Amino acid sequence: MTTILEIEKLNVSYHGTSILQDINMKVEKGEILGIVGESGSGKSTLLKAIIGLLGDNGRVESGRVSFDQVDLLRISQKELRNIRGTQLGMVFQNPGMSFNPIRKIGSQFLEALKNHRKIDEAQAMKQILDMFAKLGLGDGKRILNSYPFELSGGMNQRVAIALAMIMNPQLLLADEPTSALDVTVQAQCVKEMMDLRDHFGTTIIIVTHNMGVVSHMADKVAVMYAGDLVEYGSKTDVLNHPEHPYTKALIASIPQIGGTLPKGIPGQPPAFGQVFTGCSFSTRCHLCDDICIHEKPVMHNCENGHTVFCHKCFSEV
């Protein structure tokens, strides 16, 4: 397979406080990567660093983000704007971040198309309505003539996915796209994103708290904790044969029908910027001993490209 995104030794801070530490991962073309972890683990910051939307207070301290062999951290803002939308799309957790509330949906779609492509309004409208049809959005003309506040939350989110995909980007970044939706609409949005991969070969990175969404959608899973990548591998390996104590604890906390009661993870995640000489999960881990407290874990290679950062990993090959 061909690598479309490669992240190497990425370190990100806000107001000088370290948020991400030495993140390394590869994403292949046509792959769906699910990123999971508790709130504050750095998942959303990672997506914003990739697409260059950290804001004035965010800073990439070091590292490389190579998209289709172009380092996004080393190009000009103009070059990055040209890549955004055309090759990189973003779906935000709150669809309100995708739309101007005082402009009709149609004018915002037209603006997105005309900013990146020479196209007349008739051609643009046909392309937009075709995208709506592919995503199962009926009554497209009514949607385009509506303001965002006239649509339901679920409809706004689905239209936001259409906006992110209107230029047929190679890579779609989705930040908690289903968290504010009811279960029925969640299922519809998940299906629509998977259809995008099937129709267009779109590579997707999705950040979510919902392990059910990950188990249904993802090809690979990355587990993050306190700004660290602690486990990475295929969905089957990570969800069915987890190695890191944190991954095991996350899975044990999921309610199961007819199964054992879910178990909460003791303690609290560390505060942003808290410095660890050893493993960031050591204060909550029942396997913790002196080496976990005093030495940073290095990467252990398990089978099939499954990697884990833990001193207590016994499946190294």
Protein backbone atom coordinates (compact mmCIF):
# COMPACT_ATOMS: atom_id res chain seq x y z
CA MET A 1 0.00 0.00 0.00
CA THR A 2 1.00 3.64 -0.52
CA THR A 3 1.56 5.90 2.47
CA ILE A 4 -0.50 9.11 2.19
CA LEU A 5 0.34 10.62 5.60
CA GLU A 6 3.44 10.15 7.73
CA ILE A 7 3.92 11.86 11.08
CA GLU A 8 7.40 11.81 12.61
CA LYS A 9 8.43 12.96 16.10
CA LEU A 10 5.64 15.55 16.27
CA ASN A 11 5.71 17.79 19.35
CA VAL A 12 2.99 20.42 19.88
CA SER A 13 2.46 22.98 22.65
CA TYR A 14 -0.16 25.55 23.68
CA HIS A 15 1.03 28.66 25.55
CA GLY A 16 4.36 26.87 25.97
CA THR A 17 2.70 23.85 27.64
CA SER A 18 3.50 20.53 25.97
CA ILE A 19 0.40 18.78 24.57
CA LEU A 20 1.77 16.17 22.13
CA GLN A 21 5.06 14.33 22.63
CA ASP A 22 6.95 12.53 19.85
CA ILE A 23 3.96 11.28 17.86
CA ASN A 24 4.87 8.85 15.07
CA MET A 25 2.38 7.16 12.73
CA LYS A 26 1.72 6.25 9.11
CA VAL A 27 -1.63 6.18 7.30
CA GLU A 28 -2.06 4.34 4.02
CA LYS A 29 -4.21 5.43 1.08
CA GLY A 30 -7.82 4.28 1.40
CA GLU A 31 -7.35 3.38 5.07
CA ILE A 32 -9.59 4.42 7.96
CA LEU A 33 -7.65 5.18 11.14
CA GLY A 34 -9.56 5.54 14.42
CA ILE A 35 -7.91 7.57 17.20
CA VAL A 36 -9.25 6.88 20.71
CA GLY A 37 -8.51 8.00 24.24
CA GLU A 38 -9.99 10.00 27.09
CA SER A 39 -10.71 13.72 26.84
CA GLY A 40 -7.46 15.66 27.06
CA SER A 41 -5.33 12.94 25.47
CA GLY A 42 -4.40 15.17 22.51
CA LYS A 43 -6.57 13.61 19.79
CA SER A 44 -8.14 16.82 18.48
CA THR A 45 -4.83 18.69 18.76
CA LEU A 46 -3.25 16.07 16.51
CA LEU A 47 -5.86 16.66 13.78
CA LYS A 48 -5.48 20.44 14.07
CA ALA A 49 -1.70 20.13 13.79
CA ILE A 50 -2.06 18.06 10.61
CA ILE A 51 -4.32 20.58 8.89
CA GLY A 52 -2.64 23.68 10.31
CA LEU A 53 -5.47 24.97 12.50
CA LEU A 54 -3.79 25.15 15.90
CA GLY A 55 -4.60 28.85 16.24
CA ASP A 56 -2.44 31.66 17.56
CA ASN A 57 -1.69 29.91 20.87
CA GLY A 58 -0.69 26.57 19.38
CA ARG A 59 2.79 25.82 18.15
CA VAL A 60 4.49 22.87 16.49
CA GLU A 61 7.77 22.65 18.39
CA SER A 62 9.35 20.01 16.18
CA GLY A 63 8.60 17.13 13.87
CA ARG A 64 7.33 16.45 10.38
CA VAL A 65 3.85 15.96 8.88
CA SER A 66 4.30 14.60 5.37
CA PHE A 67 1.13 14.51 3.26
CA ASP A 68 1.54 12.88 -0.14
CA GLN A 69 5.30 13.55 0.23
CA VAL A 70 4.79 17.26 1.05
CA ASP A 71 5.80 18.41 4.56
CA LEU A 72 2.81 20.50 5.65
CA LEU A 73 4.90 22.15 8.38
CA ARG A 74 7.44 23.53 5.90
CA ILE A 75 5.21 25.14 3.24
CA SER A 76 3.75 28.67 3.10
CA GLN A 77 0.27 29.56 4.34
CA LYS A 78 -0.81 30.14 0.74
CA GLU A 79 0.34 26.65 -0.28
CA LEU A 80 -1.38 25.16 2.76
CA ARG A 81 -4.66 26.95 1.95
CA ASN A 82 -4.51 25.50 -1.57
CA ILE A 83 -4.13 22.00 -0.13
CA ARG A 84 -6.92 22.46 2.42
CA GLY A 85 -10.30 21.73 0.88
CA THR A 86 -8.89 20.36 -2.36
CA GLN A 87 -6.78 17.56 -0.89
CA LEU A 88 -7.44 17.80 2.87
CA GLY A 89 -10.96 18.01 4.31
CA MET A 90 -12.04 18.53 7.93
CA VAL A 91 -15.28 17.66 9.72
CA PHE A 92 -15.52 19.37 13.11
CA GLN A 93 -17.27 18.04 16.20
CA ASN A 94 -19.56 21.06 16.15
CA PRO A 95 -20.96 21.62 12.63
CA GLY A 96 -21.38 25.29 13.60
CA MET A 97 -17.60 25.60 13.08
CA SER A 98 -18.10 24.67 9.41
CA PHE A 99 -20.82 27.19 8.59
CA ASN A 100 -21.45 30.92 8.89
CA PRO A 101 -24.80 31.10 10.75
CA ILE A 102 -26.03 34.20 8.87
CA ARG A 103 -25.41 32.89 5.34
CA LYS A 104 -27.42 30.30 3.47
CA ILE A 105 -25.86 26.87 3.01
CA GLY A 106 -25.85 27.18 -0.79
CA SER A 107 -23.75 30.36 -0.84
CA GLN A 108 -21.15 28.72 1.41
CA PHE A 109 -20.87 25.68 -0.85
CA LEU A 110 -20.53 27.93 -3.91
CA GLU A 111 -17.80 29.95 -2.21
CA ALA A 112 -15.87 26.79 -1.32
CA LEU A 113 -15.98 25.57 -4.92
CA LYS A 114 -15.18 28.90 -6.57
CA ASN A 115 -12.23 29.55 -4.24
CA HIS A 116 -10.47 26.45 -5.54
CA ARG A 117 -11.82 25.88 -9.03
CA LYS A 118 -12.94 27.80 -12.11
CA ILE A 119 -16.58 26.76 -12.33
CA ASP A 120 -19.85 28.47 -13.19
CA GLU A 121 -22.83 28.45 -10.84
CA ALA A 122 -24.85 25.90 -12.82
CA GLN A 123 -21.98 23.40 -12.85
CA ALA A 124 -21.33 24.05 -9.16
CA MET A 125 -24.97 23.46 -8.21
CA LYS A 126 -25.01 20.18 -10.15
CA GLN A 127 -21.85 19.02 -8.39
CA ILE A 128 -23.26 19.95 -4.97
CA LEU A 129 -26.57 18.18 -5.58
CA ASP A 130 -24.71 15.11 -6.89
CA MET A 131 -22.67 15.02 -3.67
CA PHE A 132 -25.85 15.33 -1.60
CA ALA A 133 -27.37 12.41 -3.51
CA LYS A 134 -24.29 10.24 -2.92
CA LEU A 135 -24.56 10.99 0.81
CA GLY A 136 -28.27 10.19 0.91
CA LEU A 137 -29.34 13.81 1.47
CA GLY A 138 -32.75 14.28 -0.13
CA ASP A 139 -34.38 17.62 -0.94
CA GLY A 140 -31.00 19.17 -1.72
CA LYS A 141 -32.44 22.41 -3.11
CA ARG A 142 -34.27 23.08 0.17
CA ILE A 143 -31.06 22.45 2.13
CA LEU A 144 -29.08 24.86 -0.04
CA ASN A 145 -31.75 27.54 0.42
CA SER A 146 -31.68 27.12 4.23
CA TYR A 147 -29.68 28.82 6.96
CA PRO A 148 -27.77 26.48 9.31
CA PHE A 149 -30.17 27.21 12.20
CA GLU A 150 -33.06 25.96 10.08
CA LEU A 151 -31.58 22.45 9.93
CA SER A 152 -31.40 19.88 12.72
CA GLY A 153 -28.08 19.06 14.38
CA GLY A 154 -27.89 15.74 12.58
CA MET A 155 -28.66 17.31 9.21
CA ASN A 156 -26.07 20.05 9.81
CA GLN A 157 -23.45 17.42 10.56
CA ARG A 158 -24.27 15.46 7.40
CA VAL A 159 -24.15 18.66 5.33
CA ALA A 160 -20.79 19.48 6.97
CA ILE A 161 -19.47 16.11 5.75
CA ALA A 162 -20.70 17.01 2.25
CA LEU A 163 -18.91 20.38 2.47
CA ALA A 164 -15.67 18.70 3.53
CA MET A 165 -15.98 16.26 0.61
CA ILE A 166 -17.16 18.63 -2.14
CA MET A 167 -13.65 18.95 -3.58
CA ASN A 168 -13.11 15.18 -3.27
CA PRO A 169 -10.07 15.45 -0.94
CA GLN A 170 -7.67 12.56 -0.62
CA LEU A 171 -7.73 12.71 3.19
CA LEU A 172 -10.71 13.48 5.45
CA LEU A 173 -10.09 14.40 9.11
CA ALA A 174 -13.16 13.88 11.31
CA ASP A 175 -13.10 15.22 14.89
CA GLU A 176 -15.84 13.53 16.96
CA PRO A 177 -18.30 13.79 14.04
CA THR A 178 -20.97 11.67 15.74
CA SER A 179 -20.69 12.64 19.42
CA ALA A 180 -23.57 15.16 19.43
CA LEU A 181 -25.94 12.97 17.43
CA ASP A 182 -28.56 10.45 18.47
CA VAL A 183 -27.86 6.79 17.81
CA THR A 184 -29.88 6.56 14.58
CA VAL A 185 -28.21 9.60 13.02
CA GLN A 186 -24.80 8.39 14.26
CA ALA A 187 -25.27 5.19 12.29
CA GLN A 188 -26.24 7.17 9.18
CA CYS A 189 -23.16 9.43 9.43
CA VAL A 190 -20.85 6.44 9.92
CA LYS A 191 -22.37 4.76 6.85
CA GLU A 192 -21.94 7.94 4.80
CA MET A 193 -18.26 8.26 5.70
CA MET A 194 -17.63 4.63 4.86
CA ASP A 195 -19.44 5.13 1.54
CA LEU A 196 -17.02 8.00 0.81
CA ARG A 197 -14.11 5.59 1.19
CA ASP A 198 -15.84 3.06 -1.05
CA HIS A 199 -16.89 5.58 -3.74
CA PHE A 200 -13.84 7.84 -3.82
CA GLY A 201 -11.05 5.89 -2.11
CA THR A 202 -10.94 8.59 0.57
CA THR A 203 -8.53 8.07 3.44
CA ILE A 204 -10.19 8.92 6.78
CA ILE A 205 -8.79 9.71 10.22
CA ILE A 206 -11.57 9.79 12.79
CA VAL A 207 -11.24 10.91 16.40
CA THR A 208 -13.91 9.43 18.66
CA HIS A 209 -14.76 8.29 22.19
CA ASN A 210 -17.12 5.69 20.75
CA MET A 211 -15.38 2.31 20.55
CA GLY A 212 -18.40 0.96 18.68
CA VAL A 213 -17.76 3.45 15.87
CA VAL A 214 -14.09 2.44 15.80
CA SER A 215 -14.86 -1.29 15.74
CA HIS A 216 -17.29 -0.75 12.84
CA MET A 217 -15.31 1.75 10.74
CA ALA A 218 -11.60 1.53 11.35
CA ASP A 219 -8.92 -0.53 9.68
CA LYS A 220 -6.31 0.59 12.21
CA VAL A 221 -6.54 2.05 15.72
CA ALA A 222 -4.26 4.51 17.54
CA VAL A 223 -4.66 4.84 21.32
CA MET A 224 -3.53 8.12 22.88
CA TYR A 225 -3.01 9.05 26.51
CA ALA A 226 -1.76 12.37 27.95
CA GLY A 227 -0.34 13.43 24.60
CA ASP A 228 1.46 10.14 24.00
CA LEU A 229 0.73 7.44 21.43
CA VAL A 230 0.61 4.31 23.60
CA GLU A 231 -0.63 1.63 21.20
CA TYR A 232 -1.08 1.34 17.44
CA GLY A 233 -2.08 -1.46 15.11
CA SER A 234 -4.86 -3.15 13.18
CA LYS A 235 -8.36 -2.97 14.60
CA THR A 236 -8.34 -6.71 15.26
CA ASP A 237 -5.04 -6.61 17.15
CA VAL A 238 -5.74 -3.52 19.24
CA LEU A 239 -9.37 -4.26 20.15
CA ASN A 240 -9.20 -8.05 20.45
CA HIS A 241 -5.61 -8.45 21.68
CA PRO A 242 -4.70 -5.19 23.46
CA GLU A 243 -1.25 -5.01 25.02
CA HIS A 244 -1.12 -1.67 26.84
CA PRO A 245 -2.80 -1.55 30.28
CA TYR A 246 -4.55 1.68 29.27
CA THR A 247 -6.05 0.11 26.14
CA LYS A 248 -7.20 -2.86 28.23
CA ALA A 249 -8.77 -0.48 30.76
CA LEU A 250 -10.58 1.48 28.02
CA ILE A 251 -12.07 -1.70 26.59
CA ALA A 252 -13.04 -2.97 30.07
CA SER A 253 -14.95 0.28 30.66
CA ILE A 254 -17.35 -0.40 27.76
CA PRO A 255 -20.81 -1.66 28.81
CA GLN A 256 -21.75 -4.99 27.24
CA ILE A 257 -25.19 -6.51 27.00
CA GLY A 258 -25.28 -9.67 29.09
CA GLY A 259 -21.63 -9.27 30.00
CA THR A 260 -19.77 -8.19 33.10
CA LEU A 261 -20.30 -4.73 34.52
CA PRO A 262 -17.97 -2.08 33.07
CA LYS A 263 -14.98 -1.11 35.17
CA GLY A 264 -13.95 2.51 35.54
CA ILE A 265 -10.31 3.53 35.27
CA PRO A 266 -9.07 4.61 38.72
CA GLY A 267 -7.61 8.06 39.21
CA GLN A 268 -7.62 11.02 36.84
CA PRO A 269 -5.73 11.80 33.63
CA PRO A 270 -2.72 14.07 34.25
CA ALA A 271 -3.00 17.82 33.83
CA PHE A 272 -1.73 19.39 30.63
CA GLY A 273 1.99 19.99 30.85
CA GLN A 274 2.58 17.57 33.71
CA VAL A 275 6.09 16.21 33.22
CA PHE A 276 6.81 12.49 33.60
CA THR A 277 10.26 10.94 33.72
CA GLY A 278 8.63 7.58 33.09
CA CYS A 279 5.30 6.35 31.70
CA SER A 280 2.46 8.91 31.70
CA PHE A 281 -0.02 6.15 32.70
CA SER A 282 2.07 5.02 35.69
CA THR A 283 -0.06 6.83 38.31
CA ARG A 284 -3.17 4.85 37.28
CA CYS A 285 -1.67 1.51 36.28
CA HIS A 286 -1.94 -1.57 38.51
CA LEU A 287 1.24 -3.00 36.93
CA CYS A 288 3.36 0.05 37.76
CA ASP A 289 6.77 -0.47 39.37
CA ASP A 290 10.03 1.47 39.61
CA ILE A 291 10.97 1.22 35.94
CA CYS A 292 7.57 2.61 34.93
CA ILE A 293 8.08 5.65 37.16
CA HIS A 294 11.66 6.42 36.20
CA GLU A 295 12.06 5.38 32.55
CA LYS A 296 10.08 6.42 29.48
CA PRO A 297 8.80 3.29 27.69
CA VAL A 298 10.17 2.64 24.22
CA MET A 299 8.29 1.07 21.33
CA HIS A 300 7.83 -2.69 21.38
CA ASN A 301 6.93 -4.48 18.16
CA CYS A 302 4.28 -7.15 18.43
CA GLU A 303 2.94 -9.13 15.46
CA ASN A 304 1.68 -7.63 12.18
CA GLY A 305 2.90 -4.09 12.78
CA HIS A 306 1.15 -3.88 16.16
CA THR A 307 3.24 -1.57 18.38
CA VAL A 308 2.94 -0.70 22.06
CA PHE A 309 4.81 1.69 24.36
CA CYS A 310 4.94 -0.17 27.67
CA HIS A 311 7.55 -1.73 29.96
CA LYS A 312 5.10 -4.54 30.74
CA CYS A 313 4.53 -5.70 27.16
CA PHE A 314 5.30 -9.43 27.04
CA SER A 315 4.38 -10.10 23.40
CA GLU A 316 7.42 -8.55 21.73
CA VAL A 317 8.65 -10.36 18.62
